[in-house]
C-alpha atoms as a PDB file:
ATOM      1  CA  UNK A   1     158.424  63.792 165.550  1.00  0.00           C
ATOM      2  CA  UNK A   2     160.133  61.291 168.115  1.00  0.00           C
ATOM      3  CA  UNK A   3     162.249  62.869 170.866  1.00  0.00           C
ATOM      4  CA  UNK A   4     165.485  60.766 169.878  1.00  0.00           C
ATOM      5  CA  UNK A   5     164.865  62.067 166.285  1.00  0.00           C
ATOM      6  CA  UNK A   6     168.088  61.982 164.357  1.00  0.00           C
ATOM      7  CA  UNK A   7     169.679  64.758 162.248  1.00  0.00           C
ATOM      8  CA  UNK A   8     170.308  64.015 158.949  1.00  0.00           C
ATOM      9  CA  UNK A   9     172.796  66.594 158.507  1.00  0.00           C
ATOM     10  CA  UNK A  10     175.095  64.869 160.743  1.00  0.00           C
ATOM     11  CA  UNK A  11     175.091  61.391 158.621  1.00  0.00           C
ATOM     12  CA  UNK A  12     177.199  60.967 155.653  1.00  0.00           C
ATOM     13  CA  UNK A  13     177.119  57.299 154.831  1.00  0.00           C
ATOM     14  CA  UNK A  14     174.489  54.565 155.746  1.00  0.00           C
ATOM     15  CA  UNK A  15     173.887  50.793 155.066  1.00  0.00           C
ATOM     16  CA  UNK A  16     170.658  49.485 154.772  1.00  0.00           C
ATOM     17  CA  UNK A  17     170.665  45.363 155.545  1.00  0.00           C
ATOM     18  CA  UNK A  18     167.682  43.651 153.716  1.00  0.00           C
ATOM     19  CA  UNK A  19     168.389  39.600 154.004  1.00  0.00           C
ATOM     20  CA  UNK A  20     165.000  38.038 152.522  1.00  0.00           C
ATOM     21  CA  UNK A  21     163.820  36.773 149.008  1.00  0.00           C
ATOM     22  CA  UNK A  22     163.428  38.934 145.892  1.00  0.00           C
ATOM     23  CA  UNK A  23     159.972  40.434 146.558  1.00  0.00           C
ATOM     24  CA  UNK A  24     160.888  41.263 150.005  1.00  0.00           C
ATOM     25  CA  UNK A  25     164.197  43.325 148.506  1.00  0.00           C
ATOM     26  CA  UNK A  26     162.032  45.060 146.146  1.00  0.00           C
ATOM     27  CA  UNK A  27     159.811  46.525 148.663  1.00  0.00           C
ATOM     28  CA  UNK A  28     162.372  47.894 150.380  1.00  0.00           C
ATOM     29  CA  UNK A  29     163.312  50.063 147.454  1.00  0.00           C
ATOM     30  CA  UNK A  30     161.592  52.901 148.760  1.00  0.00           C
ATOM     31  CA  UNK A  31     163.592  53.473 151.836  1.00  0.00           C
ATOM     32  CA  UNK A  32     166.674  54.263 149.504  1.00  0.00           C
ATOM     33  CA  UNK A  33     164.687  56.572 147.278  1.00  0.00           C
ATOM     34  CA  UNK A  34     163.049  58.273 150.616  1.00  0.00           C
ATOM     35  CA  UNK A  35     166.238  59.011 152.427  1.00  0.00           C
ATOM     36  CA  UNK A  36     167.917  59.953 149.272  1.00  0.00           C
ATOM     37  CA  UNK A  37     165.177  62.538 148.538  1.00  0.00           C
ATOM     38  CA  UNK A  38     165.322  64.019 151.954  1.00  0.00           C
ATOM     39  CA  UNK A  39     169.353  64.089 152.397  1.00  0.00           C
ATOM     40  CA  UNK A  40     170.757  63.980 148.744  1.00  0.00           C
ATOM     41  CA  UNK A  41     174.299  64.279 150.221  1.00  0.00           C
ATOM     42  CA  UNK A  42     174.034  60.795 151.873  1.00  0.00           C
ATOM     43  CA  UNK A  43     176.138  57.859 150.263  1.00  0.00           C
ATOM     44  CA  UNK A  44     173.509  54.995 150.938  1.00  0.00           C
ATOM     45  CA  UNK A  45     174.485  51.334 150.340  1.00  0.00           C
ATOM     46  CA  UNK A  46     172.956  47.974 150.703  1.00  0.00           C
ATOM     47  CA  UNK A  47     173.830  44.776 151.976  1.00  0.00           C
ATOM     48  CA  UNK A  48     171.422  41.452 150.636  1.00  0.00           C
ATOM     49  CA  UNK A  49     171.751  38.275 149.182  1.00  0.00           C
ATOM     50  CA  UNK A  50     173.598  37.908 146.165  1.00  0.00           C
ATOM     51  CA  UNK A  51     170.832  36.484 144.217  1.00  0.00           C
ATOM     52  CA  UNK A  52     168.632  39.402 145.051  1.00  0.00           C
ATOM     53  CA  UNK A  53     171.308  42.056 144.271  1.00  0.00           C
ATOM     54  CA  UNK A  54     170.298  42.480 140.699  1.00  0.00           C
ATOM     55  CA  UNK A  55     166.876  44.203 141.882  1.00  0.00           C
ATOM     56  CA  UNK A  56     168.801  46.922 143.423  1.00  0.00           C
ATOM     57  CA  UNK A  57     171.917  47.074 141.236  1.00  0.00           C
ATOM     58  CA  UNK A  58     170.432  50.073 139.131  1.00  0.00           C
ATOM     59  CA  UNK A  59     168.789  52.112 142.150  1.00  0.00           C
ATOM     60  CA  UNK A  60     169.654  55.507 142.021  1.00  0.00           C
ATOM     61  CA  UNK A  61     169.897  56.339 145.209  1.00  0.00           C
ATOM     62  CA  UNK A  62     172.103  53.395 145.781  1.00  0.00           C
ATOM     63  CA  UNK A  63     175.802  53.975 145.754  1.00  0.00           C
ATOM     64  CA  UNK A  64     177.033  49.921 146.252  1.00  0.00           C
ATOM     65  CA  UNK A  65     175.193  47.186 146.843  1.00  0.00           C
ATOM     66  CA  UNK A  66     177.245  44.393 149.033  1.00  0.00           C
ATOM     67  CA  UNK A  67     176.196  40.687 148.893  1.00  0.00           C
ATOM     68  CA  UNK A  68     176.306  37.562 150.544  1.00  0.00           C
ATOM     69  CA  UNK A  69     176.223  34.417 148.708  1.00  0.00           C
ATOM     70  CA  UNK A  70     174.687  31.804 150.315  1.00  0.00           C
ATOM     71  CA  UNK A  71     177.190  29.315 148.173  1.00  0.00           C
ATOM     72  CA  UNK A  72     179.675  30.456 150.834  1.00  0.00           C
ATOM     73  CA  UNK A  73     178.564  27.867 153.395  1.00  0.00           C
ATOM     74  CA  UNK A  74     178.778  25.013 150.536  1.00  0.00           C
ATOM     75  CA  UNK A  75     181.889  25.868 149.665  1.00  0.00           C
ATOM     76  CA  UNK A  76     183.433  24.905 152.808  1.00  0.00           C
ATOM     77  CA  UNK A  77     184.655  26.642 156.108  1.00  0.00           C
ATOM     78  CA  UNK A  78     188.015  27.968 154.710  1.00  0.00           C
ATOM     79  CA  UNK A  79     186.208  29.957 151.599  1.00  0.00           C
ATOM     80  CA  UNK A  80     183.173  31.068 153.637  1.00  0.00           C
ATOM     81  CA  UNK A  81     185.636  32.406 156.422  1.00  0.00           C
ATOM     82  CA  UNK A  82     187.637  34.176 153.582  1.00  0.00           C
ATOM     83  CA  UNK A  83     184.674  35.766 152.229  1.00  0.00           C
ATOM     84  CA  UNK A  84     183.204  36.356 155.003  1.00  0.00           C
ATOM     85  CA  UNK A  85     186.019  38.506 156.347  1.00  0.00           C
ATOM     86  CA  UNK A  86     186.324  39.970 152.716  1.00  0.00           C
ATOM     87  CA  UNK A  87     182.626  41.656 153.214  1.00  0.00           C
ATOM     88  CA  UNK A  88     183.403  42.513 157.002  1.00  0.00           C
ATOM     89  CA  UNK A  89     186.787  44.889 155.834  1.00  0.00           C
ATOM     90  CA  UNK A  90     184.671  46.527 153.105  1.00  0.00           C
ATOM     91  CA  UNK A  91     182.038  47.745 155.489  1.00  0.00           C
ATOM     92  CA  UNK A  92     184.183  48.441 157.961  1.00  0.00           C
ATOM     93  CA  UNK A  93     186.168  50.755 155.493  1.00  0.00           C
ATOM     94  CA  UNK A  94     182.728  52.567 154.649  1.00  0.00           C
ATOM     95  CA  UNK A  95     182.474  53.849 158.150  1.00  0.00           C
ATOM     96  CA  UNK A  96     178.579  54.078 158.384  1.00  0.00           C
ATOM     97  CA  UNK A  97     176.866  56.701 160.292  1.00  0.00           C
ATOM     98  CA  UNK A  98     173.686  54.665 159.961  1.00  0.00           C
ATOM     99  CA  UNK A  99     172.650  51.301 160.059  1.00  0.00           C
ATOM    100  CA  UNK A 100     169.011  50.342 158.717  1.00  0.00           C
ATOM    101  CA  UNK A 101     168.074  46.838 159.594  1.00  0.00           C
ATOM    102  CA  UNK A 102     164.466  45.695 157.987  1.00  0.00           C
ATOM    103  CA  UNK A 103     164.444  42.205 158.653  1.00  0.00           C
ATOM    104  CA  UNK A 104     165.002  40.167 162.192  1.00  0.00           C
ATOM    105  CA  UNK A 105     168.221  38.141 160.613  1.00  0.00           C
ATOM    106  CA  UNK A 106     170.779  38.315 163.667  1.00  0.00           C
ATOM    107  CA  UNK A 107     173.406  39.432 161.073  1.00  0.00           C
ATOM    108  CA  UNK A 108     172.401  42.440 161.525  1.00  0.00           C
ATOM    109  CA  UNK A 109     172.811  42.855 165.309  1.00  0.00           C
ATOM    110  CA  UNK A 110     176.035  41.586 164.949  1.00  0.00           C
ATOM    111  CA  UNK A 111     177.061  44.143 162.025  1.00  0.00           C
ATOM    112  CA  UNK A 112     175.632  46.884 164.553  1.00  0.00           C
ATOM    113  CA  UNK A 113     177.660  46.190 167.284  1.00  0.00           C
ATOM    114  CA  UNK A 114     180.797  45.475 165.328  1.00  0.00           C
ATOM    115  CA  UNK A 115     180.841  48.467 162.707  1.00  0.00           C
ATOM    116  CA  UNK A 116     179.698  50.841 165.389  1.00  0.00           C
ATOM    117  CA  UNK A 117     177.500  53.250 163.729  1.00  0.00           C
ATOM    118  CA  UNK A 118     176.504  56.323 165.446  1.00  0.00           C
ATOM    119  CA  UNK A 119     172.558  55.250 165.269  1.00  0.00           C
ATOM    120  CA  UNK A 120     171.078  51.803 164.033  1.00  0.00           C
ATOM    121  CA  UNK A 121     167.221  51.117 163.894  1.00  0.00           C
ATOM    122  CA  UNK A 122     165.623  47.692 163.746  1.00  0.00           C
ATOM    123  CA  UNK A 123     162.260  46.177 164.715  1.00  0.00           C
ATOM    124  CA  UNK A 124     161.056  45.212 167.739  1.00  0.00           C
ATOM    125  CA  UNK A 125     161.299  41.451 168.019  1.00  0.00           C
ATOM    126  CA  UNK A 126     159.344  40.007 170.998  1.00  0.00           C
ATOM    127  CA  UNK A 127     161.199  37.229 171.528  1.00  0.00           C
ATOM    128  CA  UNK A 128     164.660  38.340 171.395  1.00  0.00           C
ATOM    129  CA  UNK A 129     166.903  38.867 174.397  1.00  0.00           C
ATOM    130  CA  UNK A 130     168.595  42.347 175.737  1.00  0.00           C
ATOM    131  CA  UNK A 131     171.402  41.531 173.289  1.00  0.00           C
ATOM    132  CA  UNK A 132     169.223  42.048 170.506  1.00  0.00           C
ATOM    133  CA  UNK A 133     167.513  45.310 171.918  1.00  0.00           C
ATOM    134  CA  UNK A 134     171.201  46.426 173.054  1.00  0.00           C
ATOM    135  CA  UNK A 135     172.425  46.250 169.567  1.00  0.00           C
ATOM    136  CA  UNK A 136     170.159  49.270 168.138  1.00  0.00           C
ATOM    137  CA  UNK A 137     169.776  52.728 169.248  1.00  0.00           C
ATOM    138  CA  UNK A 138     166.021  52.819 167.809  1.00  0.00           C
ATOM    139  CA  UNK A 139     163.515  49.850 167.538  1.00  0.00           C
ATOM    140  CA  UNK A 140     159.931  50.440 165.357  1.00  0.00           C
ATOM    141  CA  UNK A 141     157.300  48.397 166.236  1.00  0.00           C
ATOM    142  CA  UNK A 142     155.180  46.052 163.958  1.00  0.00           C
ATOM    143  CA  UNK A 143     151.073  47.612 163.760  1.00  0.00           C
ATOM    144  CA  UNK A 144     149.300  45.072 166.379  1.00  0.00           C
ATOM    145  CA  UNK A 145     145.914  45.084 164.590  1.00  0.00           C
ATOM    146  CA  UNK A 146     145.529  46.446 161.231  1.00  0.00           C
ATOM    147  CA  UNK A 147     148.097  44.760 158.217  1.00  0.00           C
ATOM    148  CA  UNK A 148     149.782  47.284 156.728  1.00  0.00           C
ATOM    149  CA  UNK A 149     151.562  47.088 153.400  1.00  0.00           C
ATOM    150  CA  UNK A 150     154.957  45.597 153.241  1.00  0.00           C
ATOM    151  CA  UNK A 151     156.374  48.994 151.917  1.00  0.00           C
ATOM    152  CA  UNK A 152     154.978  51.146 154.746  1.00  0.00           C
ATOM    153  CA  UNK A 153     156.502  48.716 157.267  1.00  0.00           C
ATOM    154  CA  UNK A 154     159.813  49.544 155.946  1.00  0.00           C
ATOM    155  CA  UNK A 155     159.356  53.048 155.713  1.00  0.00           C
ATOM    156  CA  UNK A 156     158.598  53.009 159.447  1.00  0.00           C
ATOM    157  CA  UNK A 157     161.960  52.751 159.831  1.00  0.00           C
ATOM    158  CA  UNK A 158     162.752  55.661 158.769  1.00  0.00           C
ATOM    159  CA  UNK A 159     159.507  57.276 160.493  1.00  0.00           C
ATOM    160  CA  UNK A 160     160.961  55.972 164.028  1.00  0.00           C
ATOM    161  CA  UNK A 161     164.227  57.907 163.242  1.00  0.00           C
ATOM    162  CA  UNK A 162     162.102  60.744 162.681  1.00  0.00           C
ATOM    163  CA  UNK A 163     162.221  60.752 158.502  1.00  0.00           C
ATOM    164  CA  UNK A 164     158.888  60.834 156.856  1.00  0.00           C
ATOM    165  CA  UNK A 165     158.815  59.710 153.520  1.00  0.00           C
ATOM    166  CA  UNK A 166     156.793  62.099 150.989  1.00  0.00           C
ATOM    167  CA  UNK A 167     154.383  60.227 148.939  1.00  0.00           C
ATOM    168  CA  UNK A 168     156.034  60.603 145.811  1.00  0.00           C
ATOM    169  CA  UNK A 169     159.391  58.604 147.210  1.00  0.00           C
ATOM    170  CA  UNK A 170     156.889  55.330 148.241  1.00  0.00           C
ATOM    171  CA  UNK A 171     157.242  53.849 144.824  1.00  0.00           C
ATOM    172  CA  UNK A 172     158.995  50.672 144.473  1.00  0.00           C
ATOM    173  CA  UNK A 173     162.186  51.190 142.063  1.00  0.00           C
ATOM    174  CA  UNK A 174     163.435  49.002 139.470  1.00  0.00           C
ATOM    175  CA  UNK A 175     165.663  49.964 136.772  1.00  0.00           C
ATOM    176  CA  UNK A 176     166.322  47.392 134.392  1.00  0.00           C
ATOM    177  CA  UNK A 177     169.441  48.502 132.954  1.00  0.00           C
ATOM    178  CA  UNK A 178     170.485  48.611 128.883  1.00  0.00           C
ATOM    179  CA  UNK A 179     171.799  44.956 128.491  1.00  0.00           C
ATOM    180  CA  UNK A 180     168.102  43.806 129.740  1.00  0.00           C
ATOM    181  CA  UNK A 181     166.295  46.197 127.239  1.00  0.00           C
ATOM    182  CA  UNK A 182     168.179  45.208 124.462  1.00  0.00           C
ATOM    183  CA  UNK A 183     167.720  41.442 125.202  1.00  0.00           C
ATOM    184  CA  UNK A 184     164.109  41.741 125.298  1.00  0.00           C
ATOM    185  CA  UNK A 185     163.845  43.935 122.129  1.00  0.00           C
ATOM    186  CA  UNK A 186     165.593  41.111 120.356  1.00  0.00           C
ATOM    187  CA  UNK A 187     163.473  38.502 121.732  1.00  0.00           C
ATOM    188  CA  UNK A 188     160.528  40.310 120.992  1.00  0.00           C
ATOM    189  CA  UNK A 189     161.666  41.204 117.481  1.00  0.00           C
ATOM    190  CA  UNK A 190     162.075  37.284 117.035  1.00  0.00           C
ATOM    191  CA  UNK A 191     158.810  36.555 118.104  1.00  0.00           C
ATOM    192  CA  UNK A 192     157.136  39.102 115.712  1.00  0.00           C
ATOM    193  CA  UNK A 193     156.023  41.021 119.071  1.00  0.00           C
ATOM    194  CA  UNK A 194     158.027  44.279 118.384  1.00  0.00           C
ATOM    195  CA  UNK A 195     155.562  46.806 118.786  1.00  0.00           C
ATOM    196  CA  UNK A 196     152.516  44.556 119.211  1.00  0.00           C
ATOM    197  CA  UNK A 197     150.353  44.183 122.506  1.00  0.00           C
ATOM    198  CA  UNK A 198     150.638  41.322 124.561  1.00  0.00           C
ATOM    199  CA  UNK A 199     149.728  40.025 128.096  1.00  0.00           C
ATOM    200  CA  UNK A 200     152.884  38.432 130.273  1.00  0.00           C
ATOM    201  CA  UNK A 201     151.758  35.372 131.953  1.00  0.00           C
ATOM    202  CA  UNK A 202     153.955  34.057 134.821  1.00  0.00           C
ATOM    203  CA  UNK A 203     152.074  31.037 136.891  1.00  0.00           C
ATOM    204  CA  UNK A 204     154.235  29.715 138.888  1.00  0.00           C
ATOM    205  CA  UNK A 205     155.867  30.660 142.547  1.00  0.00           C
ATOM    206  CA  UNK A 206     158.979  29.306 144.160  1.00  0.00           C
ATOM    207  CA  UNK A 207     156.246  28.345 146.860  1.00  0.00           C
ATOM    208  CA  UNK A 208     154.040  25.787 145.086  1.00  0.00           C
ATOM    209  CA  UNK A 209     151.522  26.349 147.811  1.00  0.00           C
ATOM    210  CA  UNK A 210     151.022  29.892 146.208  1.00  0.00           C
ATOM    211  CA  UNK A 211     150.317  28.491 142.869  1.00  0.00           C
ATOM    212  CA  UNK A 212     146.820  28.602 141.151  1.00  0.00           C
ATOM    213  CA  UNK A 213     145.890  24.944 139.291  1.00  0.00           C
ATOM    214  CA  UNK A 214     147.567  24.730 136.006  1.00  0.00           C
ATOM    215  CA  UNK A 215     144.466  23.501 134.574  1.00  0.00           C
ATOM    216  CA  UNK A 216     142.733  26.827 135.552  1.00  0.00           C
ATOM    217  CA  UNK A 217     145.573  28.691 134.262  1.00  0.00           C
ATOM    218  CA  UNK A 218     145.445  26.926 130.964  1.00  0.00           C
ATOM    219  CA  UNK A 219     141.677  27.434 130.530  1.00  0.00           C
ATOM    220  CA  UNK A 220     142.012  31.407 131.285  1.00  0.00           C
ATOM    221  CA  UNK A 221     144.767  31.561 128.664  1.00  0.00           C
ATOM    222  CA  UNK A 222     142.846  29.340 125.901  1.00  0.00           C
ATOM    223  CA  UNK A 223     139.987  32.156 126.411  1.00  0.00           C
ATOM    224  CA  UNK A 224     142.789  35.328 126.111  1.00  0.00           C
ATOM    225  CA  UNK A 225     144.229  33.594 122.993  1.00  0.00           C
ATOM    226  CA  UNK A 226     140.942  33.286 121.438  1.00  0.00           C
ATOM    227  CA  UNK A 227     140.118  36.494 121.868  1.00  0.00           C
ATOM    228  CA  UNK A 228     143.267  37.821 119.972  1.00  0.00           C
ATOM    229  CA  UNK A 229     145.866  38.280 122.705  1.00  0.00           C
ATOM    230  CA  UNK A 230     149.158  37.444 121.967  1.00  0.00           C
ATOM    231  CA  UNK A 231     150.740  35.664 125.476  1.00  0.00           C
ATOM    232  CA  UNK A 232     154.332  35.611 126.650  1.00  0.00           C
ATOM    233  CA  UNK A 233     154.674  32.846 129.313  1.00  0.00           C
ATOM    234  CA  UNK A 234     157.808  33.124 131.785  1.00  0.00           C
ATOM    235  CA  UNK A 235     158.726  30.772 134.912  1.00  0.00           C
ATOM    236  CA  UNK A 236     161.983  30.689 137.092  1.00  0.00           C
ATOM    237  CA  UNK A 237     164.964  28.291 136.047  1.00  0.00           C
ATOM    238  CA  UNK A 238     163.231  25.528 138.423  1.00  0.00           C
ATOM    239  CA  UNK A 239     162.031  22.095 137.194  1.00  0.00           C
ATOM    240  CA  UNK A 240     159.244  22.172 139.194  1.00  0.00           C
ATOM    241  CA  UNK A 241     158.229  25.036 137.405  1.00  0.00           C
ATOM    242  CA  UNK A 242     159.209  23.865 133.756  1.00  0.00           C
ATOM    243  CA  UNK A 243     156.908  20.924 134.657  1.00  0.00           C
ATOM    244  CA  UNK A 244     153.781  23.071 135.371  1.00  0.00           C
ATOM    245  CA  UNK A 245     154.370  25.217 132.156  1.00  0.00           C
ATOM    246  CA  UNK A 246     154.131  22.149 130.201  1.00  0.00           C
ATOM    247  CA  UNK A 247     150.543  22.065 130.881  1.00  0.00           C
ATOM    248  CA  UNK A 248     150.198  25.656 129.344  1.00  0.00           C
ATOM    249  CA  UNK A 249     152.400  24.955 126.089  1.00  0.00           C
ATOM    250  CA  UNK A 250     150.194  21.786 125.311  1.00  0.00           C
ATOM    251  CA  UNK A 251     146.878  23.428 125.855  1.00  0.00           C
ATOM    252  CA  UNK A 252     147.151  26.830 124.135  1.00  0.00           C
ATOM    253  CA  UNK A 253     147.373  27.783 120.418  1.00  0.00           C
ATOM    254  CA  UNK A 254     150.619  27.593 119.590  1.00  0.00           C
ATOM    255  CA  UNK A 255     150.447  30.449 117.114  1.00  0.00           C
ATOM    256  CA  UNK A 256     149.233  32.857 120.527  1.00  0.00           C
ATOM    257  CA  UNK A 257     152.057  31.416 122.802  1.00  0.00           C
ATOM    258  CA  UNK A 258     155.635  32.588 123.077  1.00  0.00           C
ATOM    259  CA  UNK A 259     157.628  30.795 125.904  1.00  0.00           C
ATOM    260  CA  UNK A 260     160.216  32.520 127.866  1.00  0.00           C
ATOM    261  CA  UNK A 261     160.431  30.216 130.693  1.00  0.00           C
ATOM    262  CA  UNK A 262     163.788  29.875 132.346  1.00  0.00           C
ATOM    263  CA  UNK A 263     165.307  31.933 129.966  1.00  0.00           C
ATOM    264  CA  UNK A 264     165.348  35.412 131.605  1.00  0.00           C
ATOM    265  CA  UNK A 265     167.356  37.023 134.316  1.00  0.00           C
ATOM    266  CA  UNK A 266     165.527  39.222 137.073  1.00  0.00           C
ATOM    267  CA  UNK A 267     166.107  42.354 135.213  1.00  0.00           C
ATOM    268  CA  UNK A 268     165.065  40.776 131.538  1.00  0.00           C
ATOM    269  CA  UNK A 269     162.197  39.862 133.090  1.00  0.00           C
ATOM    270  CA  UNK A 270     161.520  43.876 134.743  1.00  0.00           C
ATOM    271  CA  UNK A 271     162.104  44.569 130.861  1.00  0.00           C
ATOM    272  CA  UNK A 272     159.617  42.552 129.308  1.00  0.00           C
ATOM    273  CA  UNK A 273     156.825  43.077 131.787  1.00  0.00           C
ATOM    274  CA  UNK A 274     157.524  46.777 131.394  1.00  0.00           C
ATOM    275  CA  UNK A 275     156.587  46.354 127.802  1.00  0.00           C
ATOM    276  CA  UNK A 276     153.165  44.230 128.633  1.00  0.00           C
ATOM    277  CA  UNK A 277     149.956  45.592 128.395  1.00  0.00           C
ATOM    278  CA  UNK A 278     148.881  43.441 131.473  1.00  0.00           C
ATOM    279  CA  UNK A 279     150.476  41.014 134.132  1.00  0.00           C
ATOM    280  CA  UNK A 280     148.895  37.980 135.455  1.00  0.00           C
ATOM    281  CA  UNK A 281     150.017  35.575 138.144  1.00  0.00           C
ATOM    282  CA  UNK A 282     150.328  34.874 141.845  1.00  0.00           C
ATOM    283  CA  UNK A 283     151.802  36.187 144.960  1.00  0.00           C
ATOM    284  CA  UNK A 284     155.380  36.159 143.839  1.00  0.00           C
ATOM    285  CA  UNK A 285     158.463  38.385 142.616  1.00  0.00           C
ATOM    286  CA  UNK A 286     157.368  38.687 139.205  1.00  0.00           C
ATOM    287  CA  UNK A 287     154.120  40.109 140.201  1.00  0.00           C
ATOM    288  CA  UNK A 288     156.096  42.800 142.286  1.00  0.00           C
ATOM    289  CA  UNK A 289     158.300  43.426 139.323  1.00  0.00           C
ATOM    290  CA  UNK A 290     155.169  43.795 137.251  1.00  0.00           C
ATOM    291  CA  UNK A 291     153.988  46.486 139.541  1.00  0.00           C
ATOM    292  CA  UNK A 292     157.371  48.042 139.996  1.00  0.00           C
ATOM    293  CA  UNK A 293     157.581  48.541 136.038  1.00  0.00           C
ATOM    294  CA  UNK A 294     154.170  50.016 135.955  1.00  0.00           C
ATOM    295  CA  UNK A 295     152.175  47.230 134.485  1.00  0.00           C
ATOM    296  CA  UNK A 296     148.253  46.788 135.419  1.00  0.00           C
ATOM    297  CA  UNK A 297     148.698  43.740 137.248  1.00  0.00           C
ATOM    298  CA  UNK A 298     145.992  40.700 138.083  1.00  0.00           C
ATOM    299  CA  UNK A 299     146.955  38.702 141.025  1.00  0.00           C
ATOM    300  CA  UNK A 300     145.726  35.427 142.732  1.00  0.00           C
ATOM    301  CA  UNK A 301     146.145  35.201 146.497  1.00  0.00           C
ATOM    302  CA  UNK A 302     145.983  32.225 148.456  1.00  0.00           C
ATOM    303  CA  UNK A 303     147.689  31.876 151.960  1.00  0.00           C
ATOM    304  CA  UNK A 304     149.355  35.238 151.804  1.00  0.00           C
ATOM    305  CA  UNK A 305     147.446  38.340 152.632  1.00  0.00           C
ATOM    306  CA  UNK A 306     146.776  40.683 149.868  1.00  0.00           C
ATOM    307  CA  UNK A 307     147.279  43.676 152.082  1.00  0.00           C
ATOM    308  CA  UNK A 308     150.713  43.297 152.863  1.00  0.00           C
ATOM    309  CA  UNK A 309     151.684  41.752 149.750  1.00  0.00           C
ATOM    310  CA  UNK A 310     149.528  42.884 147.031  1.00  0.00           C
ATOM    311  CA  UNK A 311     150.439  44.963 144.074  1.00  0.00           C
ATOM    312  CA  UNK A 312     151.732  48.287 145.155  1.00  0.00           C
ATOM    313  CA  UNK A 313     150.745  51.641 143.381  1.00  0.00           C
ATOM    314  CA  UNK A 314     149.877  50.216 140.390  1.00  0.00           C
ATOM    315  CA  UNK A 315     146.272  49.581 138.499  1.00  0.00           C
ATOM    316  CA  UNK A 316     145.347  46.074 140.030  1.00  0.00           C
ATOM    317  CA  UNK A 317     142.670  43.364 140.491  1.00  0.00           C
ATOM    318  CA  UNK A 318     143.811  41.131 143.392  1.00  0.00           C
ATOM    319  CA  UNK A 319     141.804  37.391 143.683  1.00  0.00           C
ATOM    320  CA  UNK A 320     140.917  35.749 146.617  1.00  0.00           C
ATOM    321  CA  UNK A 321     138.163  33.473 147.948  1.00  0.00           C
ATOM    322  CA  UNK A 322     135.651  34.620 149.960  1.00  0.00           C
ATOM    323  CA  UNK A 323     134.351  31.281 150.922  1.00  0.00           C
ATOM    324  CA  UNK A 324     137.512  30.782 153.072  1.00  0.00           C
ATOM    325  CA  UNK A 325     137.359  33.315 156.554  1.00  0.00           C
ATOM    326  CA  UNK A 326     140.627  31.097 157.522  1.00  0.00           C
ATOM    327  CA  UNK A 327     142.824  32.986 155.248  1.00  0.00           C
ATOM    328  CA  UNK A 328     145.483  34.329 155.250  1.00  0.00           C
ATOM    329  CA  UNK A 329     146.976  32.132 156.963  1.00  0.00           C
ATOM    330  CA  UNK A 330     150.595  31.932 155.869  1.00  0.00           C
ATOM    331  CA  UNK A 331     150.610  28.336 155.833  1.00  0.00           C
ATOM    332  CA  UNK A 332     152.114  26.277 153.085  1.00  0.00           C
ATOM    333  CA  UNK A 333     148.779  24.792 151.794  1.00  0.00           C
ATOM    334  CA  UNK A 334     146.102  23.876 154.315  1.00  0.00           C
ATOM    335  CA  UNK A 335     147.253  21.727 157.000  1.00  0.00           C
ATOM    336  CA  UNK A 336     150.819  22.223 155.803  1.00  0.00           C
ATOM    337  CA  UNK A 337     149.794  20.052 152.774  1.00  0.00           C
ATOM    338  CA  UNK A 338     151.044  22.205 149.829  1.00  0.00           C
ATOM    339  CA  UNK A 339     147.854  22.617 149.004  1.00  0.00           C
ATOM    340  CA  UNK A 340     145.806  25.552 149.213  1.00  0.00           C
ATOM    341  CA  UNK A 341     141.977  25.071 148.675  1.00  0.00           C
ATOM    342  CA  UNK A 342     141.647  29.169 149.192  1.00  0.00           C
ATOM    343  CA  UNK A 343     143.324  29.331 145.590  1.00  0.00           C
ATOM    344  CA  UNK A 344     141.666  26.573 144.206  1.00  0.00           C
ATOM    345  CA  UNK A 345     138.034  27.937 145.126  1.00  0.00           C
ATOM    346  CA  UNK A 346     139.090  31.218 142.515  1.00  0.00           C
ATOM    347  CA  UNK A 347     137.173  30.089 139.412  1.00  0.00           C
ATOM    348  CA  UNK A 348     138.600  30.691 135.685  1.00  0.00           C
ATOM    349  CA  UNK A 349     135.435  33.020 135.297  1.00  0.00           C
ATOM    350  CA  UNK A 350     136.805  35.463 138.002  1.00  0.00           C
ATOM    351  CA  UNK A 351     140.003  35.325 136.660  1.00  0.00           C
ATOM    352  CA  UNK A 352     138.354  36.482 133.424  1.00  0.00           C
ATOM    353  CA  UNK A 353     136.306  39.108 134.395  1.00  0.00           C
ATOM    354  CA  UNK A 354     139.458  40.909 136.498  1.00  0.00           C
ATOM    355  CA  UNK A 355     141.536  40.619 133.022  1.00  0.00           C
ATOM    356  CA  UNK A 356     138.764  42.073 130.912  1.00  0.00           C
ATOM    357  CA  UNK A 357     137.644  44.794 133.817  1.00  0.00           C
ATOM    358  CA  UNK A 358     141.622  45.820 134.162  1.00  0.00           C
ATOM    359  CA  UNK A 359     141.998  46.135 130.235  1.00  0.00           C
ATOM    360  CA  UNK A 360     139.048  48.146 130.093  1.00  0.00           C
ATOM    361  CA  UNK A 361     139.958  50.432 132.854  1.00  0.00           C
ATOM    362  CA  UNK A 362     143.617  50.982 131.504  1.00  0.00           C
ATOM    363  CA  UNK A 363     142.704  51.023 127.853  1.00  0.00           C
END
């Protein structure tokens, strides 16, 4: 135990800050569960960006989800100031005893100084000044050599405080909610898929350099449809992803293809993939959602690291290129050119074999 471990019996209210993208926020969900499991009396709140808030909305360990809307800046200085003041007053009124900051965002340091919790923990930042260090009572390091999964990295914030999570509390938590479940039941019934096995395919990502070539996905889906599988294909409500999806729609037998691209919320996506026999996609938030719902997952990885971002605690197959020792590089395509040769090196045959093996393994 660290000599400066905290006594959770002296803590009543906790604020956990995670100001990142959808997948990052979802992978922070075990922090809330692990903390609540060890101290059920705690009232735990979250502070996230508004577009990611649905991922934590029904988390059983969270009392309230506070939101920062990135649209505030675009609305003008007056509106932004009003909303920031409203948020600050709500956070100050909660009188948090413990603040857990899970990113390098400077807002966490500012809030630690303004809210003055008794304890505050954040990650060591080598390039930050004494101001950052002095904003927190506890700092935890990043691993220097062997990469660890992002979930474990989040849980290090608790370990630094002397709170060691149990294995059963490390699962990613996502609860779709009743409204999302009903919507998906209606969609599947309308497509004749209620009670019928199907595969969920989400080929896109907000980062196009993480995407496998669509002609490869089309060939994979053609083979799966020929084998008798019904395919439900989704995509974000983004014109770029919609353009990618058109390649698939035109290439796959219409009788096997059910498209929901751009039509589902995050929670509806979770309710859908929960019913799927298997998920196929790239490193993206929908992949993490599928893993959270316990759906066997085939994921294709390019520049990003599968050790840090792979499907967490779910039967899976992760496809990577063995021909590119330069990966994972975390670059936006080779040379920053928005195309990732390591992803393009993964063959349709490899993907087919991965799907077949995982289906057999989880039969």
